[in-house]
C-alpha atoms as a PDB file:
ATOM      1  CA  MET A   1      -3.096  -8.640  -2.427  1.00  0.00           C
ATOM      2  CA  ARG A   2      -0.240  -9.070  -6.249  1.00  0.00           C
ATOM      3  CA  ARG A   3       2.716  -9.691  -3.756  1.00  0.00           C
ATOM      4  CA  LEU A   4      -0.110 -11.304  -2.793  1.00  0.00           C
ATOM      5  CA  MET A   5      -0.862  -8.664  -2.159  1.00  0.00           C
ATOM      6  CA  VAL A   6      -2.019  -6.757  -5.239  1.00  0.00           C
ATOM      7  CA  CYS A   7       1.327  -6.892  -7.246  1.00  0.00           C
ATOM      8  CA  LEU A   8       1.728  -9.962  -8.102  1.00  0.00           C
ATOM      9  CA  VAL A   9       0.400 -13.104  -9.849  1.00  0.00           C
ATOM     10  CA  LEU A  10      -2.905 -11.638 -11.322  1.00  0.00           C
ATOM     11  CA  ALA A  11      -1.448  -8.587 -13.217  1.00  0.00           C
ATOM     12  CA  ALA A  12      -5.010  -7.910 -14.947  1.00  0.00           C
ATOM     13  CA  ALA A  13      -6.629  -8.039 -11.914  1.00  0.00           C
ATOM     14  CA  ALA A  14      -4.692  -5.918  -8.707  1.00  0.00           C
ATOM     15  CA  CYS A  15      -3.406  -2.374  -9.070  1.00  0.00           C
ATOM     16  CA  GLY A  16      -4.733  -1.995 -12.372  1.00  0.00           C
ATOM     17  CA  PRO A  17      -7.483  -3.062 -14.715  1.00  0.00           C
ATOM     18  CA  GLY A  18     -10.938  -2.363 -13.418  1.00  0.00           C
ATOM     19  CA  GLN A  19     -10.039   0.358 -11.737  1.00  0.00           C
ATOM     20  CA  GLN A  20     -10.910   2.828 -14.152  1.00  0.00           C
ATOM     21  CA  THR A  21      -8.831   5.801 -12.260  1.00  0.00           C
ATOM     22  CA  GLY A  22      -9.810   9.090 -15.322  1.00  0.00           C
ATOM     23  CA  PRO A  23      -7.492  11.763 -16.177  1.00  0.00           C
ATOM     24  CA  THR A  24      -5.105  12.341 -13.116  1.00  0.00           C
ATOM     25  CA  ILE A  25      -5.996  15.766 -10.809  1.00  0.00           C
ATOM     26  CA  ALA A  26      -2.984  17.305 -10.489  1.00  0.00           C
ATOM     27  CA  PRO A  27      -2.853  17.900  -6.217  1.00  0.00           C
ATOM     28  CA  ALA A  28      -2.528  21.529  -5.724  1.00  0.00           C
ATOM     29  CA  ALA A  29      -0.595  21.290  -2.362  1.00  0.00           C
ATOM     30  CA  VAL A  30       1.920  19.932  -4.054  1.00  0.00           C
ATOM     31  CA  SER A  31       2.956  23.217  -6.183  1.00  0.00           C
ATOM     32  CA  ASP A  32       2.694  24.840  -2.592  1.00  0.00           C
ATOM     33  CA  LEU A  33       5.277  22.368  -0.181  1.00  0.00           C
ATOM     34  CA  GLY A  34       8.413  23.860  -2.061  1.00  0.00           C
ATOM     35  CA  ASP A  35      11.035  21.940  -3.586  1.00  0.00           C
ATOM     36  CA  TRP A  36      13.543  18.912  -2.388  1.00  0.00           C
ATOM     37  CA  SER A  37      16.585  18.208  -3.406  1.00  0.00           C
ATOM     38  CA  ARG A  38      16.497  14.593  -4.846  1.00  0.00           C
ATOM     39  CA  PRO A  39      14.161  14.489  -7.862  1.00  0.00           C
ATOM     40  CA  ILE A  40      11.256  12.038  -8.514  1.00  0.00           C
ATOM     41  CA  PRO A  41      13.063   9.554 -10.901  1.00  0.00           C
ATOM     42  CA  THR A  42      11.112   8.951 -13.980  1.00  0.00           C
ATOM     43  CA  ALA A  43      13.600   6.714 -15.595  1.00  0.00           C
ATOM     44  CA  ALA A  44      10.936   4.596 -17.973  1.00  0.00           C
ATOM     45  CA  ASP A  45      13.117   1.129 -17.824  1.00  0.00           C
ATOM     46  CA  SER A  46      11.881  -0.777 -14.691  1.00  0.00           C
ATOM     47  CA  ALA A  47      13.933  -2.713 -14.607  1.00  0.00           C
ATOM     48  CA  ALA A  48      16.874   0.055 -13.497  1.00  0.00           C
ATOM     49  CA  LEU A  49      13.854   0.635 -11.139  1.00  0.00           C
ATOM     50  CA  MET A  50      13.884  -2.429 -10.285  1.00  0.00           C
ATOM     51  CA  ARG A  51      16.982  -2.686  -9.254  1.00  0.00           C
ATOM     52  CA  GLU A  52      18.950  -2.172  -4.971  1.00  0.00           C
ATOM     53  CA  ASP A  53      19.839   1.108  -4.934  1.00  0.00           C
ATOM     54  CA  ARG A  54      20.874   1.374  -0.982  1.00  0.00           C
ATOM     55  CA  ALA A  55      22.053   4.997  -1.904  1.00  0.00           C
ATOM     56  CA  ALA A  56      19.643   6.432  -4.260  1.00  0.00           C
ATOM     57  CA  ASP A  57      16.856   5.549  -1.615  1.00  0.00           C
ATOM     58  CA  SER A  58      18.900   6.995   1.161  1.00  0.00           C
ATOM     59  CA  ALA A  59      19.336  10.381  -0.450  1.00  0.00           C
ATOM     60  CA  LEU A  60      15.605   9.832  -1.076  1.00  0.00           C
ATOM     61  CA  VAL A  61      14.523   9.443   2.144  1.00  0.00           C
ATOM     62  CA  THR A  62      16.945  12.439   3.595  1.00  0.00           C
ATOM     63  CA  ASP A  63      15.874  15.169   1.000  1.00  0.00           C
ATOM     64  CA  ARG A  64      12.120  13.907   2.428  1.00  0.00           C
ATOM     65  CA  ILE A  65      12.980  14.270   6.459  1.00  0.00           C
ATOM     66  CA  ARG A  66      14.147  16.786   5.932  1.00  0.00           C
ATOM     67  CA  PHE A  67      11.179  18.502   3.301  1.00  0.00           C
ATOM     68  CA  ALA A  68       9.340  18.012   6.277  1.00  0.00           C
ATOM     69  CA  ARG A  69      11.250  18.815   9.400  1.00  0.00           C
ATOM     70  CA  ALA A  70      11.830  22.150   7.634  1.00  0.00           C
ATOM     71  CA  ARG A  71       8.044  22.594   6.722  1.00  0.00           C
ATOM     72  CA  HIS A  72       6.979  21.509  10.353  1.00  0.00           C
ATOM     73  CA  LEU A  73       5.349  18.380   9.169  1.00  0.00           C
ATOM     74  CA  ASP A  74       6.078  16.546  11.844  1.00  0.00           C
ATOM     75  CA  THR A  75       4.419  18.063  14.117  1.00  0.00           C
ATOM     76  CA  LEU A  76       1.090  16.438  11.622  1.00  0.00           C
ATOM     77  CA  GLY A  77      -0.174  13.198  13.047  1.00  0.00           C
ATOM     78  CA  THR A  78       0.763  10.135  11.114  1.00  0.00           C
ATOM     79  CA  GLY A  79      -2.214   9.978   8.565  1.00  0.00           C
ATOM     80  CA  PRO A  80      -2.214  13.704   7.398  1.00  0.00           C
ATOM     81  CA  LEU A  81       1.698  13.923   7.261  1.00  0.00           C
ATOM     82  CA  MET A  82       1.760  10.822   5.207  1.00  0.00           C
ATOM     83  CA  ALA A  83      -0.990  12.510   2.511  1.00  0.00           C
ATOM     84  CA  GLU A  84       1.650  15.761   2.747  1.00  0.00           C
ATOM     85  CA  LEU A  85       4.188  12.215   1.996  1.00  0.00           C
ATOM     86  CA  GLY A  86       2.327  10.465  -0.653  1.00  0.00           C
ATOM     87  CA  ARG A  87       1.742  13.627  -2.364  1.00  0.00           C
ATOM     88  CA  THR A  88       5.620  14.988  -2.874  1.00  0.00           C
ATOM     89  CA  PHE A  89       5.593  11.152  -5.111  1.00  0.00           C
ATOM     90  CA  VAL A  90       2.969  11.754  -7.005  1.00  0.00           C
ATOM     91  CA  GLY A  91       4.950  10.984 -10.688  1.00  0.00           C
ATOM     92  CA  THR A  92       6.717   8.377  -9.462  1.00  0.00           C
ATOM     93  CA  PRO A  93       6.417   5.316 -12.071  1.00  0.00           C
ATOM     94  CA  TYR A  94       4.884   2.443 -11.113  1.00  0.00           C
ATOM     95  CA  VAL A  95       6.838  -0.634 -11.097  1.00  0.00           C
ATOM     96  CA  PRO A  96       5.233  -4.081 -10.129  1.00  0.00           C
ATOM     97  CA  GLN A  97       6.765  -6.841  -8.566  1.00  0.00           C
ATOM     98  CA  THR A  98       9.903  -5.415  -6.695  1.00  0.00           C
ATOM     99  CA  LEU A  99      10.263  -7.712  -3.573  1.00  0.00           C
ATOM    100  CA  GLU A 100      10.870 -10.147  -5.923  1.00  0.00           C
ATOM    101  CA  VAL A 101      14.155 -10.208  -6.245  1.00  0.00           C
ATOM    102  CA  PRO A 102      16.625 -13.160  -6.658  1.00  0.00           C
ATOM    103  CA  GLY A 103      17.922 -15.071  -4.116  1.00  0.00           C
ATOM    104  CA  GLU A 104      16.995 -15.108   0.095  1.00  0.00           C
ATOM    105  CA  GLU A 105      14.045 -13.410   1.297  1.00  0.00           C
ATOM    106  CA  ARG A 106      15.623  -9.814   2.278  1.00  0.00           C
ATOM    107  CA  VAL A 107      14.190  -5.975   4.005  1.00  0.00           C
ATOM    108  CA  ILE A 108      13.946  -4.701  -0.162  1.00  0.00           C
ATOM    109  CA  ILE A 109      13.872  -0.890   0.324  1.00  0.00           C
ATOM    110  CA  ASN A 110      12.905   0.174  -3.343  1.00  0.00           C
ATOM    111  CA  LEU A 111      11.596   4.992  -3.155  1.00  0.00           C
ATOM    112  CA  ARG A 112      11.959   4.823  -6.973  1.00  0.00           C
ATOM    113  CA  GLY A 113       9.735   2.548  -8.522  1.00  0.00           C
ATOM    114  CA  LEU A 114       6.432   2.122  -6.420  1.00  0.00           C
ATOM    115  CA  ASP A 115       3.702  -0.915  -5.738  1.00  0.00           C
ATOM    116  CA  CYS A 116       0.131  -0.293  -4.696  1.00  0.00           C
ATOM    117  CA  VAL A 117       1.756  -1.889  -1.278  1.00  0.00           C
ATOM    118  CA  THR A 118       5.172  -0.673  -1.711  1.00  0.00           C
ATOM    119  CA  PHE A 119       3.740   3.061  -1.358  1.00  0.00           C
ATOM    120  CA  VAL A 120       1.411   2.749   1.578  1.00  0.00           C
ATOM    121  CA  GLU A 121       4.185   1.098   2.787  1.00  0.00           C
ATOM    122  CA  ASN A 122       7.200   3.384   2.317  1.00  0.00           C
ATOM    123  CA  MET A 123       4.654   6.087   3.363  1.00  0.00           C
ATOM    124  CA  LEU A 124       3.871   5.150   6.142  1.00  0.00           C
ATOM    125  CA  ALA A 125       7.498   3.988   7.724  1.00  0.00           C
ATOM    126  CA  LEU A 126       8.522   7.876   6.516  1.00  0.00           C
ATOM    127  CA  ALA A 127       6.013   9.238   8.569  1.00  0.00           C
ATOM    128  CA  ARG A 128       6.815   6.736  11.751  1.00  0.00           C
ATOM    129  CA  THR A 129      10.507   8.366  11.145  1.00  0.00           C
ATOM    130  CA  ILE A 130      10.178  11.438  10.770  1.00  0.00           C
ATOM    131  CA  ARG A 131       7.780  11.589  14.107  1.00  0.00           C
ATOM    132  CA  ALA A 132      10.249   9.028  15.976  1.00  0.00           C
ATOM    133  CA  GLY A 133      13.289  11.632  14.849  1.00  0.00           C
ATOM    134  CA  GLY A 134      15.270   9.083  13.634  1.00  0.00           C
ATOM    135  CA  GLY A 135      16.861   8.980  10.240  1.00  0.00           C
ATOM    136  CA  PHE A 136      18.142   6.588   7.257  1.00  0.00           C
ATOM    137  CA  PRO A 137      18.963   3.801   9.642  1.00  0.00           C
ATOM    138  CA  GLU A 138      15.551   3.733  11.198  1.00  0.00           C
ATOM    139  CA  PHE A 139      13.038   3.897   8.107  1.00  0.00           C
ATOM    140  CA  VAL A 140      14.581   0.885   7.012  1.00  0.00           C
ATOM    141  CA  ARG A 141      13.728  -0.655  10.495  1.00  0.00           C
ATOM    142  CA  GLU A 142       9.537   0.495  10.369  1.00  0.00           C
ATOM    143  CA  ILE A 143       9.587  -1.275   6.011  1.00  0.00           C
ATOM    144  CA  GLU A 144      10.968  -4.654   8.424  1.00  0.00           C
ATOM    145  CA  ARG A 145       8.611  -3.739  11.238  1.00  0.00           C
ATOM    146  CA  ILE A 146       5.370  -3.323   9.402  1.00  0.00           C
ATOM    147  CA  ARG A 147       6.123  -5.794   6.213  1.00  0.00           C
ATOM    148  CA  TYR A 148       6.877  -8.425   8.318  1.00  0.00           C
ATOM    149  CA  ARG A 149       4.090 -10.891  10.533  1.00  0.00           C
ATOM    150  CA  THR A 150       6.563  -9.986  13.410  1.00  0.00           C
ATOM    151  CA  GLY A 151       8.270  -7.736  12.621  1.00  0.00           C
ATOM    152  CA  ARG A 152      10.957  -8.991  11.920  1.00  0.00           C
ATOM    153  CA  LEU A 153      12.629 -10.393   9.360  1.00  0.00           C
ATOM    154  CA  SER A 154      11.781 -14.153   8.802  1.00  0.00           C
ATOM    155  CA  GLY A 155      11.803 -15.378   5.061  1.00  0.00           C
ATOM    156  CA  TYR A 156       9.281 -15.125   2.545  1.00  0.00           C
ATOM    157  CA  THR A 157       6.196 -16.646   4.183  1.00  0.00           C
ATOM    158  CA  GLY A 158       6.880 -13.976   6.637  1.00  0.00           C
ATOM    159  CA  ARG A 159       5.843 -11.463   4.236  1.00  0.00           C
ATOM    160  CA  LEU A 160       2.312 -10.233   4.914  1.00  0.00           C
ATOM    161  CA  HIS A 161       1.365 -11.060   1.392  1.00  0.00           C
ATOM    162  CA  TYR A 162      -2.406 -11.348   1.927  1.00  0.00           C
ATOM    163  CA  PHE A 163      -4.011  -7.322   2.631  1.00  0.00           C
ATOM    164  CA  SER A 164      -6.084  -8.074   5.219  1.00  0.00           C
ATOM    165  CA  GLU A 165      -3.643  -9.996   7.238  1.00  0.00           C
ATOM    166  CA  TRP A 166      -1.324  -7.245   6.955  1.00  0.00           C
ATOM    167  CA  ILE A 167      -4.540  -4.797   8.409  1.00  0.00           C
ATOM    168  CA  GLY A 168      -4.684  -6.933  10.896  1.00  0.00           C
ATOM    169  CA  ALA A 169      -0.789  -7.598  11.943  1.00  0.00           C
ATOM    170  CA  ASN A 170       0.167  -4.029  11.690  1.00  0.00           C
ATOM    171  CA  ALA A 171      -2.824  -3.753  13.828  1.00  0.00           C
ATOM    172  CA  ALA A 172      -2.241  -5.969  16.733  1.00  0.00           C
ATOM    173  CA  LYS A 173       1.697  -4.223  16.459  1.00  0.00           C
ATOM    174  CA  GLY A 174      -0.303  -0.867  17.118  1.00  0.00           C
ATOM    175  CA  ILE A 175       0.707   1.108  13.823  1.00  0.00           C
ATOM    176  CA  VAL A 176      -2.755   0.724  12.369  1.00  0.00           C
ATOM    177  CA  THR A 177      -6.438   0.807  14.052  1.00  0.00           C
ATOM    178  CA  ASP A 178      -9.019  -1.387  10.822  1.00  0.00           C
ATOM    179  CA  ILE A 179     -12.075   0.738  11.604  1.00  0.00           C
ATOM    180  CA  SER A 180     -13.961  -1.053   8.919  1.00  0.00           C
ATOM    181  CA  ARG A 181     -16.332  -2.551  11.125  1.00  0.00           C
ATOM    182  CA  GLU A 182     -16.859   0.520  12.254  1.00  0.00           C
ATOM    183  CA  LEU A 183     -17.581   2.707   9.355  1.00  0.00           C
ATOM    184  CA  GLY A 184     -20.229  -0.026   8.673  1.00  0.00           C
ATOM    185  CA  GLY A 185     -18.196  -2.926   7.365  1.00  0.00           C
ATOM    186  CA  VAL A 186     -20.289  -6.286   7.167  1.00  0.00           C
ATOM    187  CA  ARG A 187     -18.293  -9.918   7.034  1.00  0.00           C
ATOM    188  CA  ASP A 188     -16.460 -11.282   3.608  1.00  0.00           C
ATOM    189  CA  PRO A 189     -16.330 -14.894   3.790  1.00  0.00           C
ATOM    190  CA  GLU A 190     -14.427 -15.498   0.588  1.00  0.00           C
ATOM    191  CA  PRO A 191     -11.915 -17.830   1.788  1.00  0.00           C
ATOM    192  CA  LEU A 192      -8.362 -17.371   0.830  1.00  0.00           C
ATOM    193  CA  ASN A 193      -6.074 -19.503  -0.888  1.00  0.00           C
ATOM    194  CA  LEU A 194      -5.626 -17.771  -4.322  1.00  0.00           C
ATOM    195  CA  MET A 195      -1.076 -18.004  -4.167  1.00  0.00           C
ATOM    196  CA  THR A 196      -1.623 -21.868  -3.113  1.00  0.00           C
ATOM    197  CA  ARG A 197      -4.044 -22.165  -6.348  1.00  0.00           C
ATOM    198  CA  HIS A 198      -1.483 -20.330  -8.226  1.00  0.00           C
ATOM    199  CA  ARG A 199       1.794 -21.714  -6.796  1.00  0.00           C
ATOM    200  CA  ASN A 200       3.362 -21.242 -10.149  1.00  0.00           C
ATOM    201  CA  SER A 201       3.123 -17.857 -10.080  1.00  0.00           C
ATOM    202  CA  TYR A 202       5.400 -18.195  -7.209  1.00  0.00           C
ATOM    203  CA  ARG A 203       9.132 -19.298  -7.602  1.00  0.00           C
ATOM    204  CA  GLN A 204       9.475 -19.169  -3.778  1.00  0.00           C
ATOM    205  CA  LEU A 205       6.124 -22.148  -3.669  1.00  0.00           C
ATOM    206  CA  ALA A 206       8.374 -24.555  -5.325  1.00  0.00           C
ATOM    207  CA  ASN A 207       9.434 -24.879  -1.853  1.00  0.00           C
ATOM    208  CA  ASP A 208       7.301 -27.918  -0.565  1.00  0.00           C
ATOM    209  CA  SER A 209       8.008 -26.942   3.428  1.00  0.00           C
ATOM    210  CA  ALA A 210       6.866 -23.102   1.995  1.00  0.00           C
ATOM    211  CA  PHE A 211       4.609 -23.984   0.064  1.00  0.00           C
ATOM    212  CA  GLU A 212       2.276 -25.665   3.425  1.00  0.00           C
ATOM    213  CA  GLU A 213       2.886 -22.961   5.781  1.00  0.00           C
ATOM    214  CA  ILE A 214       1.530 -20.065   2.976  1.00  0.00           C
ATOM    215  CA  ARG A 215      -1.235 -23.247   2.972  1.00  0.00           C
ATOM    216  CA  GLN A 216      -1.628 -23.087   6.770  1.00  0.00           C
ATOM    217  CA  ILE A 217      -1.855 -19.488   6.286  1.00  0.00           C
ATOM    218  CA  GLU A 218      -4.422 -19.267   4.486  1.00  0.00           C
ATOM    219  CA  ALA A 219      -6.640 -21.650   6.362  1.00  0.00           C
ATOM    220  CA  ARG A 220      -5.876 -19.404   9.641  1.00  0.00           C
ATOM    221  CA  LEU A 221      -6.646 -16.487   7.448  1.00  0.00           C
ATOM    222  CA  SER A 222      -9.832 -18.277   5.884  1.00  0.00           C
ATOM    223  CA  ALA A 223     -10.959 -18.689   9.275  1.00  0.00           C
ATOM    224  CA  VAL A 224     -10.579 -14.485  11.060  1.00  0.00           C
ATOM    225  CA  PRO A 225     -13.495 -12.852  10.533  1.00  0.00           C
ATOM    226  CA  ARG A 226     -13.340  -9.433   8.817  1.00  0.00           C
ATOM    227  CA  TYR A 227     -14.834  -6.245   7.286  1.00  0.00           C
ATOM    228  CA  TYR A 228     -15.417  -4.249   4.237  1.00  0.00           C
ATOM    229  CA  ILE A 229     -18.127  -1.423   3.324  1.00  0.00           C
ATOM    230  CA  PRO A 230     -19.448  -2.452   0.295  1.00  0.00           C
ATOM    231  CA  ALA A 231     -19.123  -0.746  -2.654  1.00  0.00           C
ATOM    232  CA  ALA A 232     -22.879   0.360  -2.405  1.00  0.00           C
ATOM    233  CA  ASP A 233     -22.094   2.152   1.362  1.00  0.00           C
ATOM    234  CA  VAL A 234     -18.749   4.133   0.270  1.00  0.00           C
ATOM    235  CA  ALA A 235     -20.235   7.630  -0.336  1.00  0.00           C
ATOM    236  CA  ALA A 236     -22.074   7.035   3.213  1.00  0.00           C
ATOM    237  CA  ALA A 237     -18.583   6.651   5.244  1.00  0.00           C
ATOM    238  CA  ALA A 238     -16.639   8.636   3.612  1.00  0.00           C
ATOM    239  CA  ALA A 239     -17.539  11.783   5.452  1.00  0.00           C
ATOM    240  CA  ARG A 240     -15.558   9.904   8.670  1.00  0.00           C
ATOM    241  CA  ILE A 241     -12.438   8.993   6.363  1.00  0.00           C
ATOM    242  CA  ARG A 242     -10.108  11.031   7.243  1.00  0.00           C
ATOM    243  CA  ASN A 243      -6.759  12.340   5.457  1.00  0.00           C
ATOM    244  CA  GLY A 244      -3.817   9.249   4.757  1.00  0.00           C
ATOM    245  CA  ASP A 245      -6.190   6.514   5.740  1.00  0.00           C
ATOM    246  CA  ILE A 246      -5.318   3.797   4.217  1.00  0.00           C
ATOM    247  CA  ILE A 247      -7.595   1.998   1.339  1.00  0.00           C
ATOM    248  CA  ALA A 248      -7.747  -1.545   0.585  1.00  0.00           C
ATOM    249  CA  ALA A 249     -10.320  -2.034  -2.325  1.00  0.00           C
ATOM    250  CA  THR A 250     -11.847  -5.160  -1.789  1.00  0.00           C
ATOM    251  CA  THR A 251     -12.540  -7.997  -4.848  1.00  0.00           C
ATOM    252  CA  THR A 252     -14.667 -10.544  -6.416  1.00  0.00           C
ATOM    253  CA  ILE A 253     -11.591 -11.972  -7.394  1.00  0.00           C
ATOM    254  CA  SER A 254     -12.164 -15.567  -6.204  1.00  0.00           C
ATOM    255  CA  GLY A 255      -8.958 -16.795  -2.989  1.00  0.00           C
ATOM    256  CA  MET A 256      -8.207 -12.914  -3.024  1.00  0.00           C
ATOM    257  CA  ASP A 257      -8.924 -10.231  -0.087  1.00  0.00           C
ATOM    258  CA  VAL A 258      -7.440  -6.971  -1.455  1.00  0.00           C
ATOM    259  CA  ALA A 259      -7.179  -6.241  -5.325  1.00  0.00           C
ATOM    260  CA  HIS A 260      -5.390  -2.702  -4.469  1.00  0.00           C
ATOM    261  CA  THR A 261      -4.125  -0.280  -2.389  1.00  0.00           C
ATOM    262  CA  GLY A 262      -3.806   3.596  -1.517  1.00  0.00           C
ATOM    263  CA  LEU A 263      -4.344   6.734   0.504  1.00  0.00           C
ATOM    264  CA  ALA A 264      -7.010   8.474   0.303  1.00  0.00           C
ATOM    265  CA  VAL A 265      -6.726  12.191   0.724  1.00  0.00           C
ATOM    266  CA  TRP A 266      -9.673  15.378   0.567  1.00  0.00           C
ATOM    267  CA  GLN A 267      -9.112  17.427  -2.441  1.00  0.00           C
ATOM    268  CA  ASP A 268     -12.198  20.565  -2.212  1.00  0.00           C
ATOM    269  CA  GLY A 269     -14.401  18.481  -0.180  1.00  0.00           C
ATOM    270  CA  THR A 270     -14.501  15.515  -2.137  1.00  0.00           C
ATOM    271  CA  LEU A 271     -12.514  12.028  -0.897  1.00  0.00           C
ATOM    272  CA  HIS A 272      -9.837  10.667  -3.395  1.00  0.00           C
ATOM    273  CA  LEU A 273      -7.781   7.822  -3.698  1.00  0.00           C
ATOM    274  CA  MET A 274      -4.127   8.553  -4.087  1.00  0.00           C
ATOM    275  CA  HIS A 275      -2.253   5.644  -4.880  1.00  0.00           C
ATOM    276  CA  ALA A 276       0.257   3.572  -7.096  1.00  0.00           C
ATOM    277  CA  PRO A 277      -2.159   2.220 -10.235  1.00  0.00           C
ATOM    278  CA  LEU A 278      -1.262  -0.313 -12.555  1.00  0.00           C
ATOM    279  CA  VAL A 279      -2.839   1.967 -15.263  1.00  0.00           C
ATOM    280  CA  GLY A 280      -1.800   5.795 -15.086  1.00  0.00           C
ATOM    281  CA  ASP A 281       1.707   4.396 -15.048  1.00  0.00           C
ATOM    282  CA  SER A 282       2.906   6.655 -12.041  1.00  0.00           C
ATOM    283  CA  VAL A 283       1.767   7.389  -8.409  1.00  0.00           C
ATOM    284  CA  GLU A 284      -1.216   9.984  -8.624  1.00  0.00           C
ATOM    285  CA  ILE A 285      -5.173  10.872  -7.212  1.00  0.00           C
ATOM    286  CA  SER A 286      -7.992   9.573  -9.238  1.00  0.00           C
ATOM    287  CA  ALA A 287      -9.808  11.708 -11.112  1.00  0.00           C
ATOM    288  CA  LEU A 288     -12.980  10.110  -9.904  1.00  0.00           C
ATOM    289  CA  SER A 289     -13.698  10.741  -5.796  1.00  0.00           C
ATOM    290  CA  LEU A 290     -13.511   6.768  -4.435  1.00  0.00           C
ATOM    291  CA  PRO A 291     -16.846   6.352  -3.679  1.00  0.00           C
ATOM    292  CA  GLU A 292     -17.530   7.132  -7.625  1.00  0.00           C
ATOM    293  CA  ARG A 293     -14.035   4.303  -8.276  1.00  0.00           C
ATOM    294  CA  ILE A 294     -15.006   2.079  -6.350  1.00  0.00           C
ATOM    295  CA  LEU A 295     -18.886   2.122  -8.156  1.00  0.00           C
ATOM    296  CA  ARG A 296     -17.553   1.454 -11.377  1.00  0.00           C
ATOM    297  CA  SER A 297     -15.126  -0.834 -11.085  1.00  0.00           C
ATOM    298  CA  ARG A 298     -15.682  -4.713 -12.022  1.00  0.00           C
ATOM    299  CA  THR A 299     -13.160  -6.574  -9.839  1.00  0.00           C
ATOM    300  CA  GLN A 300     -13.518  -4.342  -6.564  1.00  0.00           C
ATOM    301  CA  ASP A 301     -16.494  -4.249  -4.963  1.00  0.00           C
ATOM    302  CA  GLY A 302     -16.016  -2.145  -1.686  1.00  0.00           C
ATOM    303  CA  ILE A 303     -13.235  -1.375   0.378  1.00  0.00           C
ATOM    304  CA  MET A 304     -11.282  -1.811   3.691  1.00  0.00           C
ATOM    305  CA  VAL A 305     -10.102   1.106   6.112  1.00  0.00           C
ATOM    306  CA  ALA A 306      -6.695   1.054   8.361  1.00  0.00           C
ATOM    307  CA  ARG A 307      -6.510   4.366  10.150  1.00  0.00           C
ATOM    308  CA  PRO A 308      -2.618   4.889  11.123  1.00  0.00           C
ATOM    309  CA  ARG A 309      -1.721   5.694  15.011  1.00  0.00           C
ATOM    310  CA  ASP A 310       0.625   8.106  15.723  1.00  0.00           C
END
């Protein structure tokens, strides 16, 4: 949840330290997918990658759409398509806080620098756009639908900051299905209050009205049952996790629900996590299996799993 979903307030807790990803596995399928005209950005300047550039992002989206259609990937289900698209973004720089731009809240589009949540959002929006036969305008609309509670831009407090709510809201919209409880999940009793406890970390919460609205959202979310698969049980649940399922790593950090996000990918019969980690600096597929990765983490104690719907 830093953003509060994972990429904002406590950099040491989210998308980074405690994850121990090890060396990256080069995804075997990528070399078989062919080239595309718009290369992955490799600039080290995070400030440049944070700047909005609709032309560059439109070109990236258009290229990935052409890439997918040329290889008939649009015939895949949403989850498997997300996994294949995600592989083409391996190596894209990790850039935090790309949504925290000056001025009023707006629908930020940025595929040139990704954090763990925007990686998931962009792959989901791309897959849905491709399956629907749309282009860049439809992609922008999908991002808006996925990122905001009502599916429409509605200010900072309308953005889905806690990832457990992101899953719940997108399940209500028919975009994903929360399968955490089905996979053996148990209830997580931790109250959610990280944003209001760290008010000074969020410039938007200097506004008393916004602060109060977030406080009420946290109280509501804390009262709603949410389920996660404890770290010790992830290996047993792995066989039922599919390519492209959305993985949300839960955390022991007080006031947080989720510390990191990514996509499930199977390689050589082993389940891995494709994600944009702070440690590693770019989108990668973790060397450790997903169950090992969670067990070795100091701050992650399990996972939530959301399955994209077709």
